[in-house]
Amino acid sequence: MNKNFIKLVKALVIILGIGWLLGQLIRYFLRSKLAKFAQQVNEAAREQQQSQNRNSTPKNGNVHVDHIPENFKAKRSKEIKGGDYVDYEEIKE
């Protein structure tokens, strides 16, 4: 029984050692793959942002308006009547 117990303990130690070693190897490879993937995602995002910045900046003298609210023109035409003259006097103290 003593020999069987020693064999069992050896087997358990070997199995635990192999399991620990595999866990460490898997952890190392997953970290390296995850870091590589994160670097690729960051690079793609950086390139996309740079291309958007290049495309969205207007050249000298050019202005691009994406959206003008519909009620903006209606408000503006009602507020400004034009041609009204207001006479005023300067008050000196």
N, C-alpha and C. Protein backbone atom coordinates (compact mmCIF):
# COMPACT_ATOMS: atom_id res chain seq x y z
N MET A 1 0.82 -1.19 0.00
CA MET A 1 0.00 0.00 0.00
C MET A 1 0.87 1.26 0.00
N ASN A 2 1.99 1.21 0.59
CA ASN A 2 2.88 2.34 0.65
C ASN A 2 3.39 2.70 -0.74
N LYS A 3 3.72 1.71 -1.57
CA LYS A 3 4.20 1.96 -2.93
C LYS A 3 3.08 2.56 -3.78
N ASN A 4 1.87 2.09 -3.62
CA ASN A 4 0.74 2.62 -4.38
C ASN A 4 0.46 4.07 -3.99
N PHE A 5 0.61 4.37 -2.71
CA PHE A 5 0.38 5.74 -2.23
C PHE A 5 1.43 6.69 -2.81
N ILE A 6 2.69 6.25 -2.86
CA ILE A 6 3.76 7.07 -3.42
C ILE A 6 3.53 7.28 -4.91
N LYS A 7 3.11 6.23 -5.63
CA LYS A 7 2.82 6.37 -7.06
C LYS A 7 1.66 7.35 -7.28
N LEU A 8 0.66 7.26 -6.41
CA LEU A 8 -0.49 8.16 -6.52
C LEU A 8 -0.07 9.61 -6.28
N VAL A 9 0.75 9.84 -5.28
CA VAL A 9 1.23 11.19 -4.98
C VAL A 9 2.08 11.70 -6.13
N LYS A 10 2.96 10.86 -6.68
CA LYS A 10 3.78 11.26 -7.82
C LYS A 10 2.90 11.63 -9.01
N ALA A 11 1.89 10.82 -9.27
CA ALA A 11 0.98 11.09 -10.39
C ALA A 11 0.25 12.41 -10.18
N LEU A 12 -0.22 12.64 -8.95
CA LEU A 12 -0.91 13.89 -8.66
C LEU A 12 0.02 15.09 -8.81
N VAL A 13 1.25 14.98 -8.34
CA VAL A 13 2.21 16.07 -8.46
C VAL A 13 2.52 16.33 -9.93
N ILE A 14 2.69 15.27 -10.71
CA ILE A 14 2.98 15.44 -12.15
C ILE A 14 1.78 16.07 -12.85
N ILE A 15 0.59 15.60 -12.55
CA ILE A 15 -0.62 16.16 -13.18
C ILE A 15 -0.79 17.63 -12.80
N LEU A 16 -0.60 17.93 -11.52
CA LEU A 16 -0.72 19.33 -11.08
C LEU A 16 0.37 20.20 -11.72
N GLY A 17 1.58 19.67 -11.83
CA GLY A 17 2.67 20.42 -12.46
C GLY A 17 2.40 20.68 -13.93
N ILE A 18 1.93 19.67 -14.63
CA ILE A 18 1.61 19.84 -16.05
C ILE A 18 0.45 20.83 -16.20
N GLY A 19 -0.56 20.72 -15.35
CA GLY A 19 -1.69 21.65 -15.40
C GLY A 19 -1.25 23.08 -15.14
N TRP A 20 -0.39 23.27 -14.14
CA TRP A 20 0.11 24.61 -13.84
C TRP A 20 0.92 25.15 -15.00
N LEU A 21 1.80 24.30 -15.57
CA LEU A 21 2.63 24.73 -16.70
C LEU A 21 1.77 25.10 -17.91
N LEU A 22 0.77 24.27 -18.21
CA LEU A 22 -0.13 24.59 -19.33
C LEU A 22 -0.89 25.90 -19.06
N GLY A 23 -1.32 26.10 -17.83
CA GLY A 23 -2.01 27.34 -17.48
C GLY A 23 -1.13 28.55 -17.69
N GLN A 24 0.14 28.44 -17.29
CA GLN A 24 1.07 29.55 -17.49
C GLN A 24 1.32 29.81 -18.97
N LEU A 25 1.50 28.74 -19.75
CA LEU A 25 1.73 28.91 -21.19
C LEU A 25 0.52 29.52 -21.88
N ILE A 26 -0.67 29.05 -21.54
CA ILE A 26 -1.89 29.59 -22.14
C ILE A 26 -2.05 31.06 -21.76
N ARG A 27 -1.80 31.38 -20.50
CA ARG A 27 -1.90 32.77 -20.05
C ARG A 27 -0.92 33.67 -20.80
N TYR A 28 0.31 33.19 -21.00
CA TYR A 28 1.32 33.97 -21.72
C TYR A 28 0.89 34.22 -23.16
N PHE A 29 0.45 33.16 -23.85
CA PHE A 29 0.07 33.31 -25.26
C PHE A 29 -1.19 34.16 -25.41
N LEU A 30 -2.13 34.00 -24.49
CA LEU A 30 -3.33 34.84 -24.58
C LEU A 30 -3.00 36.30 -24.35
N ARG A 31 -2.12 36.58 -23.40
CA ARG A 31 -1.74 37.97 -23.17
C ARG A 31 -1.06 38.57 -24.39
N SER A 32 -0.14 37.81 -24.99
CA SER A 32 0.57 38.34 -26.16
C SER A 32 -0.38 38.53 -27.33
N LYS A 33 -1.29 37.58 -27.54
CA LYS A 33 -2.26 37.72 -28.63
C LYS A 33 -3.21 38.88 -28.37
N LEU A 34 -3.65 39.02 -27.13
CA LEU A 34 -4.55 40.11 -26.78
C LEU A 34 -3.86 41.46 -26.93
N ALA A 35 -2.61 41.54 -26.54
CA ALA A 35 -1.86 42.80 -26.69
C ALA A 35 -1.68 43.13 -28.17
N LYS A 36 -1.40 42.12 -28.98
CA LYS A 36 -1.24 42.34 -30.42
C LYS A 36 -2.56 42.79 -31.04
N PHE A 37 -3.66 42.16 -30.64
CA PHE A 37 -4.97 42.54 -31.15
C PHE A 37 -5.32 43.97 -30.74
N ALA A 38 -5.05 44.33 -29.49
CA ALA A 38 -5.34 45.69 -29.02
C ALA A 38 -4.51 46.70 -29.79
N GLN A 39 -3.27 46.37 -30.09
CA GLN A 39 -2.41 47.27 -30.86
C GLN A 39 -2.96 47.46 -32.27
N GLN A 40 -3.45 46.38 -32.90
CA GLN A 40 -4.02 46.48 -34.23
C GLN A 40 -5.29 47.33 -34.22
N VAL A 41 -6.12 47.15 -33.21
CA VAL A 41 -7.35 47.94 -33.11
C VAL A 41 -7.02 49.42 -32.91
N ASN A 42 -6.05 49.71 -32.06
CA ASN A 42 -5.65 51.10 -31.84
C ASN A 42 -5.09 51.72 -33.11
N GLU A 43 -4.30 50.97 -33.84
CA GLU A 43 -3.72 51.48 -35.09
C GLU A 43 -4.82 51.77 -36.12
N ALA A 44 -5.79 50.85 -36.22
CA ALA A 44 -6.90 51.06 -37.16
C ALA A 44 -7.71 52.29 -36.77
N ALA A 45 -7.96 52.47 -35.48
CA ALA A 45 -8.72 53.64 -35.03
C ALA A 45 -7.95 54.92 -35.30
N ARG A 46 -6.64 54.88 -35.08
CA ARG A 46 -5.81 56.07 -35.33
C ARG A 46 -5.82 56.42 -36.82
N GLU A 47 -5.71 55.42 -37.68
CA GLU A 47 -5.73 55.68 -39.13
C GLU A 47 -7.08 56.24 -39.56
N GLN A 48 -8.16 55.69 -39.00
CA GLN A 48 -9.49 56.17 -39.36
C GLN A 48 -9.67 57.62 -38.91
N GLN A 49 -9.21 57.93 -37.72
CA GLN A 49 -9.34 59.30 -37.22
C GLN A 49 -8.51 60.26 -38.06
N GLN A 50 -7.32 59.85 -38.45
CA GLN A 50 -6.48 60.72 -39.27
C GLN A 50 -7.11 60.94 -40.64
N SER A 51 -7.70 59.89 -41.22
CA SER A 51 -8.33 60.07 -42.53
C SER A 51 -9.56 60.98 -42.42
N GLN A 52 -10.31 60.87 -41.33
CA GLN A 52 -11.46 61.75 -41.14
C GLN A 52 -11.00 63.19 -40.96
N ASN A 53 -9.92 63.38 -40.22
CA ASN A 53 -9.41 64.74 -40.02
C ASN A 53 -8.93 65.33 -41.33
N ARG A 54 -8.28 64.52 -42.16
CA ARG A 54 -7.80 65.03 -43.45
C ARG A 54 -8.97 65.39 -44.37
N ASN A 55 -10.01 64.57 -44.35
CA ASN A 55 -11.15 64.80 -45.24
C ASN A 55 -12.07 65.90 -44.74
N SER A 56 -12.13 66.12 -43.44
CA SER A 56 -13.11 67.06 -42.91
C SER A 56 -12.59 68.50 -42.82
N THR A 57 -11.30 68.71 -42.88
CA THR A 57 -10.80 70.08 -42.77
C THR A 57 -11.00 70.80 -44.09
N PRO A 58 -11.70 71.93 -44.08
CA PRO A 58 -11.91 72.66 -45.33
C PRO A 58 -10.62 73.35 -45.77
N LYS A 59 -10.47 73.48 -47.07
CA LYS A 59 -9.31 74.18 -47.61
C LYS A 59 -9.53 75.68 -47.42
N ASN A 60 -8.50 76.45 -47.60
CA ASN A 60 -8.58 77.89 -47.39
C ASN A 60 -9.68 78.50 -48.25
N GLY A 61 -10.58 79.23 -47.61
CA GLY A 61 -11.64 79.92 -48.33
C GLY A 61 -12.88 79.09 -48.55
N ASN A 62 -12.84 77.80 -48.25
CA ASN A 62 -14.01 76.93 -48.44
C ASN A 62 -14.63 76.61 -47.09
N VAL A 63 -15.95 76.73 -47.01
CA VAL A 63 -16.66 76.40 -45.79
C VAL A 63 -17.76 75.42 -46.16
N HIS A 64 -17.88 74.36 -45.39
CA HIS A 64 -18.91 73.36 -45.63
C HIS A 64 -19.85 73.32 -44.44
N VAL A 65 -21.15 73.54 -44.66
CA VAL A 65 -22.15 73.50 -43.60
C VAL A 65 -22.92 72.20 -43.76
N ASP A 66 -22.88 71.35 -42.74
CA ASP A 66 -23.54 70.06 -42.81
C ASP A 66 -25.06 70.19 -42.72
N HIS A 67 -25.54 71.06 -41.84
CA HIS A 67 -26.98 71.10 -41.61
C HIS A 67 -27.40 72.52 -41.21
N ILE A 68 -28.44 73.01 -41.83
CA ILE A 68 -29.04 74.29 -41.45
C ILE A 68 -30.46 73.98 -41.00
N PRO A 69 -30.81 74.32 -39.76
CA PRO A 69 -32.16 74.03 -39.28
C PRO A 69 -33.21 74.74 -40.14
N GLU A 70 -34.34 74.08 -40.34
CA GLU A 70 -35.39 74.63 -41.20
C GLU A 70 -35.98 75.92 -40.62
N ASN A 71 -36.12 75.98 -39.30
CA ASN A 71 -36.73 77.16 -38.70
C ASN A 71 -35.75 78.33 -38.61
N PHE A 72 -34.50 78.13 -38.94
CA PHE A 72 -33.51 79.20 -38.87
C PHE A 72 -33.83 80.31 -39.88
N LYS A 73 -34.14 79.93 -41.11
CA LYS A 73 -34.44 80.93 -42.15
C LYS A 73 -35.74 81.66 -41.84
N ALA A 74 -36.74 80.93 -41.35
CA ALA A 74 -38.03 81.55 -41.04
C ALA A 74 -37.88 82.56 -39.90
N LYS A 75 -37.14 82.21 -38.86
CA LYS A 75 -36.92 83.13 -37.75
C LYS A 75 -36.19 84.38 -38.21
N ARG A 76 -35.20 84.17 -38.99
CA ARG A 76 -34.35 85.28 -39.41
C ARG A 76 -35.13 86.27 -40.28
N SER A 77 -35.95 85.78 -41.18
CA SER A 77 -36.68 86.68 -42.06
C SER A 77 -37.74 87.48 -41.27
N LYS A 78 -38.26 86.93 -40.19
CA LYS A 78 -39.26 87.63 -39.40
C LYS A 78 -38.61 88.70 -38.52
N GLU A 79 -37.43 88.43 -38.01
CA GLU A 79 -36.79 89.35 -37.09
C GLU A 79 -36.26 90.59 -37.79
N ILE A 80 -35.67 90.46 -38.94
CA ILE A 80 -35.05 91.58 -39.64
C ILE A 80 -36.03 92.11 -40.68
N LYS A 81 -36.47 93.34 -40.47
CA LYS A 81 -37.39 93.94 -41.43
C LYS A 81 -36.65 94.79 -42.43
N GLY A 82 -35.55 95.37 -42.03
CA GLY A 82 -34.73 96.15 -42.95
C GLY A 82 -35.36 97.49 -43.33
N GLY A 83 -34.55 98.50 -43.52
CA GLY A 83 -35.02 99.78 -44.00
C GLY A 83 -35.61 100.69 -42.93
N ASP A 84 -35.79 100.22 -41.72
CA ASP A 84 -36.32 101.08 -40.66
C ASP A 84 -35.20 101.96 -40.12
N TYR A 85 -35.49 103.27 -40.02
CA TYR A 85 -34.51 104.20 -39.50
C TYR A 85 -34.99 104.70 -38.16
N VAL A 86 -34.11 104.63 -37.17
CA VAL A 86 -34.45 105.12 -35.83
C VAL A 86 -33.60 106.34 -35.56
N ASP A 87 -34.27 107.48 -35.34
CA ASP A 87 -33.55 108.72 -35.04
C ASP A 87 -33.21 108.73 -33.56
N TYR A 88 -32.02 109.16 -33.26
CA TYR A 88 -31.61 109.20 -31.86
C TYR A 88 -30.80 110.45 -31.61
N GLU A 89 -30.71 110.83 -30.35
CA GLU A 89 -29.90 111.97 -29.95
C GLU A 89 -28.90 111.50 -28.92
N GLU A 90 -27.69 112.04 -29.02
CA GLU A 90 -26.69 111.70 -28.03
C GLU A 90 -26.91 112.58 -26.81
N ILE A 91 -26.80 112.01 -25.66
CA ILE A 91 -26.98 112.75 -24.41
C ILE A 91 -25.61 112.91 -23.78
N LYS A 92 -25.24 114.20 -23.52
CA LYS A 92 -23.95 114.48 -22.89
C LYS A 92 -24.20 114.87 -21.45
N GLU A 93 -23.43 114.38 -20.58
CA GLU A 93 -23.61 114.72 -19.16
C GLU A 93 -22.69 115.81 -18.73
